[in-house]
Amino acid sequence: MARDDKVQMPSSMGGLVRYFDEYKSKIEIKPGHVVLLSGLVMVIEILLHTFGKLK
C-alpha cells in the first residue's frame, strides 16, 4: 500500500528546452544504414579475431 507521509514535488516543465526544434543536422543517417554498418564492423572484427589466432 502507498504511504501518505512522502513529500511529492509539483510536476512542472519549467526550464526545459526542445533543442531538436532549433537545430537541423546537415548529415542524416538512416537507421537501416546504422544497423548494416554495425553488422559489417562485427563481421570484420570476428574475421580479424579468428585469423589473428592462426599464427
PDB file of N, CA and C in Angstrom:
ATOM      1  N   MET A   1       0.827  -1.173   0.000  1.00  0.00           N
ATOM      2  CA  MET A   1       0.000   0.000   0.000  1.00  0.00           C
ATOM      3  C   MET A   1       0.878   1.246   0.000  1.00  0.00           C
ATOM      4  N   ALA A   2       0.458   2.296  -0.623  1.00  0.00           N
ATOM      5  CA  ALA A   2       1.233   3.532  -0.709  1.00  0.00           C
ATOM      6  C   ALA A   2       1.242   4.255   0.632  1.00  0.00           C
ATOM      7  N   ARG A   3       2.381   4.852   0.943  1.00  0.00           N
ATOM      8  CA  ARG A   3       2.495   5.596   2.193  1.00  0.00           C
ATOM      9  C   ARG A   3       2.104   7.048   1.954  1.00  0.00           C
ATOM     10  N   ASP A   4       1.382   7.626   2.893  1.00  0.00           N
ATOM     11  CA  ASP A   4       0.910   9.002   2.753  1.00  0.00           C
ATOM     12  C   ASP A   4       1.887  10.025   3.300  1.00  0.00           C
ATOM     13  N   ASP A   5       2.973   9.591   3.953  1.00  0.00           N
ATOM     14  CA  ASP A   5       3.876  10.554   4.567  1.00  0.00           C
ATOM     15  C   ASP A   5       5.022  10.982   3.641  1.00  0.00           C
ATOM     16  N   LYS A   6       4.988  10.591   2.369  1.00  0.00           N
ATOM     17  CA  LYS A   6       6.017  11.011   1.421  1.00  0.00           C
ATOM     18  C   LYS A   6       5.733  12.429   0.929  1.00  0.00           C
ATOM     19  N   VAL A   7       6.807  13.184   0.695  1.00  0.00           N
ATOM     20  CA  VAL A   7       6.679  14.529   0.149  1.00  0.00           C
ATOM     21  C   VAL A   7       6.797  14.431  -1.364  1.00  0.00           C
ATOM     22  N   GLN A   8       5.832  14.986  -2.079  1.00  0.00           N
ATOM     23  CA  GLN A   8       5.863  14.947  -3.533  1.00  0.00           C
ATOM     24  C   GLN A   8       6.069  16.356  -4.064  1.00  0.00           C
ATOM     25  N   MET A   9       6.999  16.471  -5.011  1.00  0.00           N
ATOM     26  CA  MET A   9       7.277  17.759  -5.638  1.00  0.00           C
ATOM     27  C   MET A   9       6.264  17.997  -6.757  1.00  0.00           C
ATOM     28  N   PRO A  10       5.924  19.253  -6.991  1.00  0.00           N
ATOM     29  CA  PRO A  10       4.985  19.530  -8.076  1.00  0.00           C
ATOM     30  C   PRO A  10       5.621  19.239  -9.436  1.00  0.00           C
ATOM     31  N   SER A  11       4.823  18.751 -10.337  1.00  0.00           N
ATOM     32  CA  SER A  11       5.308  18.446 -11.678  1.00  0.00           C
ATOM     33  C   SER A  11       5.255  19.719 -12.516  1.00  0.00           C
ATOM     34  N   SER A  12       6.384  20.040 -13.142  1.00  0.00           N
ATOM     35  CA  SER A  12       6.404  21.229 -13.989  1.00  0.00           C
ATOM     36  C   SER A  12       7.344  21.008 -15.160  1.00  0.00           C
ATOM     37  N   MET A  13       7.205  21.804 -16.166  1.00  0.00           N
ATOM     38  CA  MET A  13       8.041  21.713 -17.356  1.00  0.00           C
ATOM     39  C   MET A  13       8.971  22.914 -17.449  1.00  0.00           C
ATOM     40  N   GLY A  14       9.114  23.649 -16.410  1.00  0.00           N
ATOM     41  CA  GLY A  14       9.919  24.865 -16.433  1.00  0.00           C
ATOM     42  C   GLY A  14      11.384  24.579 -16.699  1.00  0.00           C
ATOM     43  N   GLY A  15      11.993  25.362 -17.586  1.00  0.00           N
ATOM     44  CA  GLY A  15      13.417  25.246 -17.863  1.00  0.00           C
ATOM     45  C   GLY A  15      13.787  24.248 -18.930  1.00  0.00           C
ATOM     46  N   LEU A  16      12.837  23.499 -19.446  1.00  0.00           N
ATOM     47  CA  LEU A  16      13.158  22.517 -20.479  1.00  0.00           C
ATOM     48  C   LEU A  16      13.181  23.197 -21.841  1.00  0.00           C
ATOM     49  N   VAL A  17      14.185  22.867 -22.628  1.00  0.00           N
ATOM     50  CA  VAL A  17      14.335  23.432 -23.962  1.00  0.00           C
ATOM     51  C   VAL A  17      14.277  22.298 -24.967  1.00  0.00           C
ATOM     52  N   ARG A  18      13.568  22.485 -26.016  1.00  0.00           N
ATOM     53  CA  ARG A  18      13.459  21.462 -27.052  1.00  0.00           C
ATOM     54  C   ARG A  18      14.459  21.784 -28.151  1.00  0.00           C
ATOM     55  N   TYR A  19      15.656  21.206 -28.055  1.00  0.00           N
ATOM     56  CA  TYR A  19      16.739  21.528 -28.973  1.00  0.00           C
ATOM     57  C   TYR A  19      16.495  20.983 -30.374  1.00  0.00           C
ATOM     58  N   PHE A  20      15.766  19.887 -30.501  1.00  0.00           N
ATOM     59  CA  PHE A  20      15.586  19.307 -31.818  1.00  0.00           C
ATOM     60  C   PHE A  20      14.738  20.216 -32.720  1.00  0.00           C
ATOM     61  N   ASP A  21      13.985  21.133 -32.152  1.00  0.00           N
ATOM     62  CA  ASP A  21      13.239  22.086 -32.973  1.00  0.00           C
ATOM     63  C   ASP A  21      14.143  23.192 -33.508  1.00  0.00           C
ATOM     64  N   GLU A  22      15.237  23.472 -32.816  1.00  0.00           N
ATOM     65  CA  GLU A  22      16.095  24.582 -33.166  1.00  0.00           C
ATOM     66  C   GLU A  22      17.218  24.195 -34.125  1.00  0.00           C
ATOM     67  N   TYR A  23      17.641  22.943 -34.130  1.00  0.00           N
ATOM     68  CA  TYR A  23      18.833  22.546 -34.874  1.00  0.00           C
ATOM     69  C   TYR A  23      18.486  21.410 -35.828  1.00  0.00           C
ATOM     70  N   LYS A  24      18.878  21.564 -37.063  1.00  0.00           N
ATOM     71  CA  LYS A  24      18.690  20.510 -38.056  1.00  0.00           C
ATOM     72  C   LYS A  24      20.051  20.161 -38.630  1.00  0.00           C
ATOM     73  N   SER A  25      20.479  18.914 -38.471  1.00  0.00           N
ATOM     74  CA  SER A  25      21.785  18.476 -38.939  1.00  0.00           C
ATOM     75  C   SER A  25      21.808  18.378 -40.458  1.00  0.00           C
ATOM     76  N   LYS A  26      22.955  18.669 -41.042  1.00  0.00           N
ATOM     77  CA  LYS A  26      23.113  18.552 -42.484  1.00  0.00           C
ATOM     78  C   LYS A  26      23.367  17.109 -42.894  1.00  0.00           C
ATOM     79  N   ILE A  27      23.842  16.303 -41.946  1.00  0.00           N
ATOM     80  CA  ILE A  27      24.124  14.886 -42.215  1.00  0.00           C
ATOM     81  C   ILE A  27      23.046  14.052 -41.532  1.00  0.00           C
ATOM     82  N   GLU A  28      22.309  13.303 -42.324  1.00  0.00           N
ATOM     83  CA  GLU A  28      21.278  12.427 -41.764  1.00  0.00           C
ATOM     84  C   GLU A  28      21.587  10.994 -42.164  1.00  0.00           C
ATOM     85  N   ILE A  29      21.564  10.092 -41.190  1.00  0.00           N
ATOM     86  CA  ILE A  29      21.855   8.683 -41.429  1.00  0.00           C
ATOM     87  C   ILE A  29      20.602   7.888 -41.120  1.00  0.00           C
ATOM     88  N   LYS A  30      20.204   7.056 -42.052  1.00  0.00           N
ATOM     89  CA  LYS A  30      19.011   6.229 -41.855  1.00  0.00           C
ATOM     90  C   LYS A  30      19.326   5.113 -40.859  1.00  0.00           C
ATOM     91  N   PRO A  31      18.341   4.705 -40.068  1.00  0.00           N
ATOM     92  CA  PRO A  31      18.571   3.629 -39.082  1.00  0.00           C
ATOM     93  C   PRO A  31      19.036   2.315 -39.725  1.00  0.00           C
ATOM     94  N   GLY A  32      18.554   2.017 -40.907  1.00  0.00           N
ATOM     95  CA  GLY A  32      18.981   0.797 -41.599  1.00  0.00           C
ATOM     96  C   GLY A  32      20.459   0.808 -41.931  1.00  0.00           C
ATOM     97  N   HIS A  33      20.978   1.979 -42.281  1.00  0.00           N
ATOM     98  CA  HIS A  33      22.403   2.089 -42.574  1.00  0.00           C
ATOM     99  C   HIS A  33      23.242   1.876 -41.316  1.00  0.00           C
ATOM    100  N   VAL A  34      22.754   2.346 -40.187  1.00  0.00           N
ATOM    101  CA  VAL A  34      23.481   2.157 -38.929  1.00  0.00           C
ATOM    102  C   VAL A  34      23.529   0.676 -38.574  1.00  0.00           C
ATOM    103  N   VAL A  35      22.417  -0.020 -38.744  1.00  0.00           N
ATOM    104  CA  VAL A  35      22.377  -1.465 -38.453  1.00  0.00           C
ATOM    105  C   VAL A  35      23.309  -2.214 -39.395  1.00  0.00           C
ATOM    106  N   LEU A  36      23.290  -1.872 -40.666  1.00  0.00           N
ATOM    107  CA  LEU A  36      24.157  -2.528 -41.649  1.00  0.00           C
ATOM    108  C   LEU A  36      25.631  -2.284 -41.338  1.00  0.00           C
ATOM    109  N   LEU A  37      25.977  -1.059 -41.024  1.00  0.00           N
ATOM    110  CA  LEU A  37      27.365  -0.740 -40.703  1.00  0.00           C
ATOM    111  C   LEU A  37      27.817  -1.453 -39.421  1.00  0.00           C
ATOM    112  N   SER A  38      26.938  -1.533 -38.431  1.00  0.00           N
ATOM    113  CA  SER A  38      27.282  -2.242 -37.187  1.00  0.00           C
ATOM    114  C   SER A  38      27.521  -3.722 -37.456  1.00  0.00           C
ATOM    115  N   GLY A  39      26.675  -4.323 -38.281  1.00  0.00           N
ATOM    116  CA  GLY A  39      26.861  -5.732 -38.640  1.00  0.00           C
ATOM    117  C   GLY A  39      28.153  -5.956 -39.396  1.00  0.00           C
ATOM    118  N   LEU A  40      28.483  -5.038 -40.289  1.00  0.00           N
ATOM    119  CA  LEU A  40      29.721  -5.146 -41.052  1.00  0.00           C
ATOM    120  C   LEU A  40      30.943  -5.036 -40.140  1.00  0.00           C
ATOM    121  N   VAL A  41      30.910  -4.128 -39.193  1.00  0.00           N
ATOM    122  CA  VAL A  41      32.018  -3.986 -38.240  1.00  0.00           C
ATOM    123  C   VAL A  41      32.163  -5.257 -37.401  1.00  0.00           C
ATOM    124  N   MET A  42      31.040  -5.847 -36.985  1.00  0.00           N
ATOM    125  CA  MET A  42      31.107  -7.087 -36.196  1.00  0.00           C
ATOM    126  C   MET A  42      31.715  -8.230 -37.010  1.00  0.00           C
ATOM    127  N   VAL A  43      31.326  -8.349 -38.270  1.00  0.00           N
ATOM    128  CA  VAL A  43      31.866  -9.418 -39.119  1.00  0.00           C
ATOM    129  C   VAL A  43      33.367  -9.227 -39.318  1.00  0.00           C
ATOM    130  N   ILE A  44      33.790  -7.997 -39.586  1.00  0.00           N
ATOM    131  CA  ILE A  44      35.223  -7.727 -39.772  1.00  0.00           C
ATOM    132  C   ILE A  44      35.996  -8.046 -38.501  1.00  0.00           C
ATOM    133  N   GLU A  45      35.447  -7.670 -37.346  1.00  0.00           N
ATOM    134  CA  GLU A  45      36.148  -7.944 -36.090  1.00  0.00           C
ATOM    135  C   GLU A  45      36.234  -9.441 -35.806  1.00  0.00           C
ATOM    136  N   ILE A  46      35.189 -10.186 -36.115  1.00  0.00           N
ATOM    137  CA  ILE A  46      35.223 -11.642 -35.927  1.00  0.00           C
ATOM    138  C   ILE A  46      36.266 -12.262 -36.851  1.00  0.00           C
ATOM    139  N   LEU A  47      36.320 -11.813 -38.106  1.00  0.00           N
ATOM    140  CA  LEU A  47      37.325 -12.339 -39.037  1.00  0.00           C
ATOM    141  C   LEU A  47      38.743 -12.021 -38.575  1.00  0.00           C
ATOM    142  N   LEU A  48      38.968 -10.793 -38.117  1.00  0.00           N
ATOM    143  CA  LEU A  48      40.298 -10.434 -37.631  1.00  0.00           C
ATOM    144  C   LEU A  48      40.675 -11.233 -36.389  1.00  0.00           C
ATOM    145  N   HIS A  49      39.717 -11.455 -35.517  1.00  0.00           N
ATOM    146  CA  HIS A  49      39.979 -12.220 -34.299  1.00  0.00           C
ATOM    147  C   HIS A  49      40.297 -13.681 -34.648  1.00  0.00           C
ATOM    148  N   THR A  50      39.558 -14.240 -35.602  1.00  0.00           N
ATOM    149  CA  THR A  50      39.760 -15.637 -35.985  1.00  0.00           C
ATOM    150  C   THR A  50      41.103 -15.820 -36.697  1.00  0.00           C
ATOM    151  N   PHE A  51      41.387 -14.995 -37.691  1.00  0.00           N
ATOM    152  CA  PHE A  51      42.607 -15.163 -38.458  1.00  0.00           C
ATOM    153  C   PHE A  51      43.834 -14.654 -37.717  1.00  0.00           C
ATOM    154  N   GLY A  52      43.652 -13.848 -36.704  1.00  0.00           N
ATOM    155  CA  GLY A  52      44.778 -13.376 -35.904  1.00  0.00           C
ATOM    156  C   GLY A  52      45.335 -14.456 -34.996  1.00  0.00           C
ATOM    157  N   LYS A  53      44.519 -15.461 -34.659  1.00  0.00           N
ATOM    158  CA  LYS A  53      44.972 -16.550 -33.796  1.00  0.00           C
ATOM    159  C   LYS A  53      45.663 -17.665 -34.554  1.00  0.00           C
ATOM    160  N   LEU A  54      45.663 -17.610 -35.884  1.00  0.00           N
ATOM    161  CA  LEU A  54      46.256 -18.690 -36.664  1.00  0.00           C
ATOM    162  C   LEU A  54      47.772 -18.708 -36.600  1.00  0.00           C
ATOM    163  N   LYS A  55      48.389 -17.601 -36.301  1.00  0.00           N
ATOM    164  CA  LYS A  55      49.854 -17.560 -36.282  1.00  0.00           C
ATOM    165  C   LYS A  55      50.435 -18.256 -35.110  1.00  0.00           C
TER     166      LYS A  55
END
